Amino acid sequence: MSDCIFCKIINGEIPSKKVMENDDFYAFYDINPVAKVHVLVVPKKHVANISAITDDNQKYVAGILPFIRDVVAKLGLADDGYRVIFNTGEKAGQTVFHMHAHILGGQELDWPN
């Protein structure tokens, strides 16, 4: 999708601080962090959000959780704990309509924040 900010980041049109990537996913630091560690994980193929998962793309997006596990291990968050958040839709706070997960950690996290 040509006007999607995350698609532009994936394509290298907008700079980002990469954590890691593979053929299907890209992880990078959020430019407006809400925790000591705040990383976004996005599929390289544009999918608007969890509600947009279809029979055609579900196999592709199914790999996001194992990729998140690997990102968390690289960041050293696995032992102390972390939070993974998917905002789906405007009322849930989704502002970029390209499916993405927020990984928050590196500190004690309050609930629900």
N, C-alpha and C. Protein backbone atom coordinates (compact mmCIF):
# COMPACT_ATOMS: atom_id res chain seq x y z
N MET A 1 0.86 -1.18 0.00
CA MET A 1 0.00 0.00 0.00
C MET A 1 0.90 1.23 0.00
N SER A 2 0.76 2.08 -0.98
CA SER A 2 1.73 3.15 -1.22
C SER A 2 1.71 4.27 -0.18
N ASP A 3 0.59 4.50 0.48
CA ASP A 3 0.53 5.60 1.45
C ASP A 3 0.67 5.13 2.90
N CYS A 4 0.98 3.87 3.12
CA CYS A 4 1.11 3.32 4.47
C CYS A 4 2.50 3.59 5.02
N ILE A 5 2.57 4.24 6.18
CA ILE A 5 3.86 4.58 6.79
C ILE A 5 4.68 3.33 7.10
N PHE A 6 4.05 2.26 7.55
CA PHE A 6 4.80 1.04 7.87
C PHE A 6 5.31 0.37 6.60
N CYS A 7 4.54 0.40 5.53
CA CYS A 7 5.02 -0.13 4.25
C CYS A 7 6.25 0.67 3.79
N LYS A 8 6.22 1.99 4.00
CA LYS A 8 7.36 2.82 3.62
C LYS A 8 8.58 2.51 4.49
N ILE A 9 8.38 2.23 5.76
CA ILE A 9 9.49 1.85 6.65
C ILE A 9 10.07 0.51 6.18
N ILE A 10 9.22 -0.46 5.91
CA ILE A 10 9.66 -1.78 5.45
C ILE A 10 10.46 -1.65 4.16
N ASN A 11 10.01 -0.78 3.25
CA ASN A 11 10.67 -0.59 1.96
C ASN A 11 11.91 0.31 2.04
N GLY A 12 12.21 0.85 3.22
CA GLY A 12 13.38 1.70 3.38
C GLY A 12 13.19 3.14 2.94
N GLU A 13 11.96 3.53 2.65
CA GLU A 13 11.67 4.91 2.23
C GLU A 13 11.67 5.86 3.42
N ILE A 14 11.40 5.35 4.60
CA ILE A 14 11.43 6.11 5.85
C ILE A 14 12.40 5.38 6.77
N PRO A 15 13.36 6.10 7.37
CA PRO A 15 14.33 5.42 8.24
C PRO A 15 13.70 4.91 9.52
N SER A 16 14.29 3.84 10.04
CA SER A 16 13.86 3.27 11.31
C SER A 16 15.08 2.64 11.97
N LYS A 17 14.95 2.41 13.28
CA LYS A 17 16.01 1.74 14.02
C LYS A 17 15.62 0.26 14.14
N LYS A 18 16.17 -0.54 13.25
CA LYS A 18 15.81 -1.95 13.14
C LYS A 18 16.32 -2.75 14.34
N VAL A 19 15.47 -3.64 14.82
CA VAL A 19 15.85 -4.62 15.83
C VAL A 19 16.22 -5.92 15.13
N MET A 20 15.33 -6.41 14.28
CA MET A 20 15.61 -7.61 13.48
C MET A 20 14.53 -7.75 12.41
N GLU A 21 14.83 -8.63 11.44
CA GLU A 21 13.85 -8.92 10.40
C GLU A 21 14.12 -10.31 9.84
N ASN A 22 13.08 -10.84 9.19
CA ASN A 22 13.23 -12.06 8.42
C ASN A 22 12.46 -11.85 7.12
N ASP A 23 12.17 -12.90 6.40
CA ASP A 23 11.49 -12.74 5.11
C ASP A 23 10.08 -12.19 5.24
N ASP A 24 9.44 -12.41 6.39
CA ASP A 24 8.03 -12.05 6.55
C ASP A 24 7.74 -10.89 7.49
N PHE A 25 8.66 -10.59 8.43
CA PHE A 25 8.38 -9.60 9.47
C PHE A 25 9.57 -8.67 9.68
N TYR A 26 9.25 -7.49 10.22
CA TYR A 26 10.24 -6.47 10.50
C TYR A 26 9.96 -5.90 11.89
N ALA A 27 10.99 -5.79 12.72
CA ALA A 27 10.84 -5.22 14.07
C ALA A 27 11.73 -4.00 14.19
N PHE A 28 11.18 -2.92 14.76
CA PHE A 28 11.92 -1.67 14.90
C PHE A 28 11.43 -0.90 16.12
N TYR A 29 12.28 -0.01 16.61
CA TYR A 29 11.92 0.79 17.79
C TYR A 29 10.87 1.83 17.45
N ASP A 30 9.88 1.98 18.33
CA ASP A 30 8.84 3.00 18.18
C ASP A 30 9.46 4.37 18.40
N ILE A 31 9.08 5.34 17.56
CA ILE A 31 9.65 6.70 17.71
C ILE A 31 9.00 7.48 18.85
N ASN A 32 7.88 6.98 19.38
CA ASN A 32 7.22 7.59 20.53
C ASN A 32 7.01 6.54 21.61
N PRO A 33 8.09 6.10 22.25
CA PRO A 33 7.98 4.99 23.20
C PRO A 33 7.15 5.34 24.43
N VAL A 34 6.41 4.34 24.91
CA VAL A 34 5.64 4.48 26.15
C VAL A 34 6.22 3.60 27.26
N ALA A 35 7.34 2.95 26.98
CA ALA A 35 8.04 2.12 27.97
C ALA A 35 9.53 2.21 27.66
N LYS A 36 10.35 1.76 28.60
CA LYS A 36 11.80 1.79 28.40
C LYS A 36 12.18 1.07 27.11
N VAL A 37 11.56 -0.06 26.85
CA VAL A 37 11.71 -0.76 25.57
C VAL A 37 10.33 -0.77 24.91
N HIS A 38 10.27 -0.23 23.69
CA HIS A 38 9.02 -0.20 22.93
C HIS A 38 9.36 -0.47 21.47
N VAL A 39 9.06 -1.68 21.05
CA VAL A 39 9.38 -2.13 19.70
C VAL A 39 8.08 -2.48 18.98
N LEU A 40 8.03 -2.16 17.69
CA LEU A 40 6.89 -2.54 16.85
C LEU A 40 7.30 -3.70 15.97
N VAL A 41 6.40 -4.64 15.77
CA VAL A 41 6.61 -5.77 14.88
C VAL A 41 5.52 -5.72 13.83
N VAL A 42 5.93 -5.70 12.56
CA VAL A 42 4.97 -5.59 11.46
C VAL A 42 5.22 -6.69 10.43
N PRO A 43 4.15 -7.21 9.84
CA PRO A 43 4.34 -8.11 8.71
C PRO A 43 4.78 -7.29 7.50
N LYS A 44 5.63 -7.86 6.67
CA LYS A 44 6.09 -7.14 5.48
C LYS A 44 5.00 -7.05 4.42
N LYS A 45 4.05 -7.96 4.45
CA LYS A 45 2.91 -7.89 3.55
C LYS A 45 1.82 -7.08 4.25
N HIS A 46 1.25 -6.12 3.56
CA HIS A 46 0.25 -5.24 4.18
C HIS A 46 -1.03 -6.02 4.51
N VAL A 47 -1.36 -6.02 5.79
CA VAL A 47 -2.63 -6.52 6.32
C VAL A 47 -3.09 -5.44 7.28
N ALA A 48 -4.29 -4.92 7.12
CA ALA A 48 -4.73 -3.76 7.89
C ALA A 48 -4.72 -3.99 9.40
N ASN A 49 -5.23 -5.11 9.85
CA ASN A 49 -5.26 -5.45 11.27
C ASN A 49 -5.74 -6.88 11.44
N ILE A 50 -5.90 -7.31 12.66
CA ILE A 50 -6.30 -8.70 12.91
C ILE A 50 -7.65 -9.01 12.25
N SER A 51 -8.55 -8.06 12.21
CA SER A 51 -9.85 -8.29 11.58
C SER A 51 -9.75 -8.51 10.07
N ALA A 52 -8.62 -8.13 9.49
CA ALA A 52 -8.42 -8.29 8.04
C ALA A 52 -7.70 -9.60 7.69
N ILE A 53 -7.47 -10.45 8.68
CA ILE A 53 -6.87 -11.75 8.39
C ILE A 53 -7.90 -12.61 7.67
N THR A 54 -7.48 -13.21 6.56
CA THR A 54 -8.36 -14.03 5.74
C THR A 54 -7.75 -15.42 5.57
N ASP A 55 -8.50 -16.30 4.93
CA ASP A 55 -7.97 -17.62 4.62
C ASP A 55 -6.72 -17.51 3.74
N ASP A 56 -6.66 -16.47 2.91
CA ASP A 56 -5.52 -16.30 2.00
C ASP A 56 -4.26 -15.82 2.69
N ASN A 57 -4.39 -15.06 3.79
CA ASN A 57 -3.18 -14.51 4.43
C ASN A 57 -2.92 -15.05 5.83
N GLN A 58 -3.80 -15.89 6.35
CA GLN A 58 -3.63 -16.35 7.74
C GLN A 58 -2.36 -17.17 7.93
N LYS A 59 -1.96 -17.95 6.95
CA LYS A 59 -0.74 -18.74 7.08
C LYS A 59 0.47 -17.80 7.19
N TYR A 60 0.43 -16.72 6.44
CA TYR A 60 1.51 -15.74 6.47
C TYR A 60 1.61 -15.04 7.83
N VAL A 61 0.51 -14.55 8.35
CA VAL A 61 0.56 -13.80 9.60
C VAL A 61 0.67 -14.70 10.83
N ALA A 62 0.45 -16.00 10.66
CA ALA A 62 0.57 -16.92 11.79
C ALA A 62 1.98 -16.92 12.37
N GLY A 63 2.97 -16.57 11.60
CA GLY A 63 4.35 -16.58 12.07
C GLY A 63 4.74 -15.40 12.93
N ILE A 64 3.82 -14.48 13.18
CA ILE A 64 4.20 -13.28 13.93
C ILE A 64 4.55 -13.60 15.39
N LEU A 65 3.86 -14.53 16.02
CA LEU A 65 4.17 -14.82 17.43
C LEU A 65 5.53 -15.48 17.61
N PRO A 66 5.91 -16.46 16.80
CA PRO A 66 7.28 -16.97 16.93
C PRO A 66 8.34 -15.89 16.64
N PHE A 67 8.06 -14.98 15.70
CA PHE A 67 8.99 -13.89 15.43
C PHE A 67 9.09 -12.96 16.64
N ILE A 68 7.96 -12.64 17.26
CA ILE A 68 7.96 -11.81 18.47
C ILE A 68 8.78 -12.49 19.56
N ARG A 69 8.62 -13.80 19.74
CA ARG A 69 9.42 -14.55 20.71
C ARG A 69 10.91 -14.34 20.45
N ASP A 70 11.33 -14.37 19.19
CA ASP A 70 12.74 -14.19 18.85
C ASP A 70 13.21 -12.76 19.10
N VAL A 71 12.36 -11.79 18.81
CA VAL A 71 12.69 -10.38 19.08
C VAL A 71 12.87 -10.17 20.58
N VAL A 72 11.95 -10.70 21.37
CA VAL A 72 12.01 -10.58 22.83
C VAL A 72 13.30 -11.20 23.37
N ALA A 73 13.68 -12.35 22.83
CA ALA A 73 14.92 -12.99 23.26
C ALA A 73 16.12 -12.10 22.91
N LYS A 74 16.12 -11.54 21.72
CA LYS A 74 17.23 -10.66 21.30
C LYS A 74 17.32 -9.43 22.21
N LEU A 75 16.17 -8.90 22.61
CA LEU A 75 16.13 -7.71 23.46
C LEU A 75 16.43 -8.03 24.93
N GLY A 76 16.47 -9.30 25.29
CA GLY A 76 16.75 -9.70 26.67
C GLY A 76 15.58 -9.50 27.61
N LEU A 77 14.35 -9.54 27.09
CA LEU A 77 13.16 -9.30 27.90
C LEU A 77 12.49 -10.57 28.40
N ALA A 78 12.87 -11.71 27.87
CA ALA A 78 12.13 -12.95 28.14
C ALA A 78 12.07 -13.31 29.62
N ASP A 79 13.14 -13.11 30.36
CA ASP A 79 13.16 -13.52 31.77
C ASP A 79 12.39 -12.58 32.69
N ASP A 80 12.44 -11.29 32.42
CA ASP A 80 11.81 -10.30 33.30
C ASP A 80 10.34 -10.04 32.97
N GLY A 81 9.91 -10.38 31.78
CA GLY A 81 8.53 -10.16 31.37
C GLY A 81 8.39 -8.99 30.42
N TYR A 82 7.32 -9.02 29.68
CA TYR A 82 7.05 -8.02 28.65
C TYR A 82 5.57 -8.10 28.29
N ARG A 83 5.11 -7.12 27.55
CA ARG A 83 3.72 -7.09 27.12
C ARG A 83 3.69 -7.00 25.60
N VAL A 84 2.75 -7.73 24.98
CA VAL A 84 2.52 -7.67 23.53
C VAL A 84 1.10 -7.16 23.34
N ILE A 85 0.96 -6.11 22.55
CA ILE A 85 -0.35 -5.48 22.34
C ILE A 85 -0.62 -5.36 20.84
N PHE A 86 -1.83 -5.78 20.44
CA PHE A 86 -2.34 -5.53 19.10
C PHE A 86 -3.56 -4.63 19.24
N ASN A 87 -3.49 -3.41 18.75
CA ASN A 87 -4.67 -2.54 18.72
C ASN A 87 -5.36 -2.78 17.38
N THR A 88 -6.65 -3.08 17.43
CA THR A 88 -7.39 -3.42 16.22
C THR A 88 -8.60 -2.51 16.09
N GLY A 89 -8.51 -1.55 15.19
CA GLY A 89 -9.59 -0.60 14.95
C GLY A 89 -9.40 0.70 15.70
N GLU A 90 -10.08 1.72 15.23
CA GLU A 90 -9.94 3.07 15.80
C GLU A 90 -10.30 3.14 17.28
N LYS A 91 -11.39 2.51 17.68
CA LYS A 91 -11.81 2.59 19.08
C LYS A 91 -10.84 1.90 20.02
N ALA A 92 -10.00 1.01 19.48
CA ALA A 92 -8.99 0.34 20.29
C ALA A 92 -7.67 1.11 20.30
N GLY A 93 -7.61 2.21 19.54
CA GLY A 93 -6.40 3.02 19.51
C GLY A 93 -5.49 2.78 18.33
N GLN A 94 -5.93 1.99 17.34
CA GLN A 94 -5.09 1.78 16.17
C GLN A 94 -5.06 3.06 15.35
N THR A 95 -3.85 3.57 15.10
CA THR A 95 -3.70 4.80 14.32
C THR A 95 -3.03 4.56 12.98
N VAL A 96 -2.27 3.48 12.86
CA VAL A 96 -1.68 3.08 11.59
C VAL A 96 -2.34 1.77 11.20
N PHE A 97 -3.01 1.76 10.06
CA PHE A 97 -3.79 0.60 9.66
C PHE A 97 -2.97 -0.37 8.82
N HIS A 98 -1.92 -0.84 9.46
CA HIS A 98 -1.07 -1.93 9.00
C HIS A 98 -0.86 -2.76 10.26
N MET A 99 -1.31 -4.00 10.25
CA MET A 99 -1.24 -4.82 11.47
C MET A 99 0.14 -4.71 12.10
N HIS A 100 0.15 -4.49 13.41
CA HIS A 100 1.42 -4.43 14.13
C HIS A 100 1.21 -4.77 15.60
N ALA A 101 2.28 -5.28 16.17
CA ALA A 101 2.29 -5.60 17.60
C ALA A 101 3.25 -4.65 18.28
N HIS A 102 2.87 -4.19 19.45
CA HIS A 102 3.76 -3.40 20.31
C HIS A 102 4.36 -4.36 21.33
N ILE A 103 5.68 -4.35 21.46
CA ILE A 103 6.35 -5.08 22.53
C ILE A 103 6.81 -4.03 23.53
N LEU A 104 6.32 -4.13 24.76
CA LEU A 104 6.69 -3.20 25.82
C LEU A 104 7.41 -3.96 26.92
N GLY A 105 8.49 -3.38 27.43
CA GLY A 105 9.21 -4.03 28.51
C GLY A 105 10.34 -3.18 29.03
N GLY A 106 11.22 -3.84 29.77
CA GLY A 106 12.37 -3.15 30.34
C GLY A 106 12.07 -2.40 31.61
N GLN A 107 10.85 -2.54 32.11
CA GLN A 107 10.42 -1.85 33.33
C GLN A 107 9.17 -2.54 33.86
N GLU A 108 8.80 -2.19 35.07
CA GLU A 108 7.53 -2.66 35.64
C GLU A 108 6.40 -1.95 34.90
N LEU A 109 5.41 -2.70 34.44
CA LEU A 109 4.31 -2.13 33.67
C LEU A 109 3.03 -2.15 34.52
N ASP A 110 2.33 -1.05 34.54
CA ASP A 110 1.03 -0.98 35.21
C ASP A 110 -0.04 -1.58 34.30
N TRP A 111 -1.16 -1.90 34.88
CA TRP A 111 -2.30 -2.38 34.10
C TRP A 111 -3.44 -1.40 34.25
N PRO A 112 -4.09 -0.97 33.20
CA PRO A 112 -4.00 -1.45 31.83
C PRO A 112 -2.95 -0.71 31.00
N ASN A 113 -2.20 0.17 31.54
CA ASN A 113 -1.21 0.92 30.75
C ASN A 113 0.08 0.19 30.59
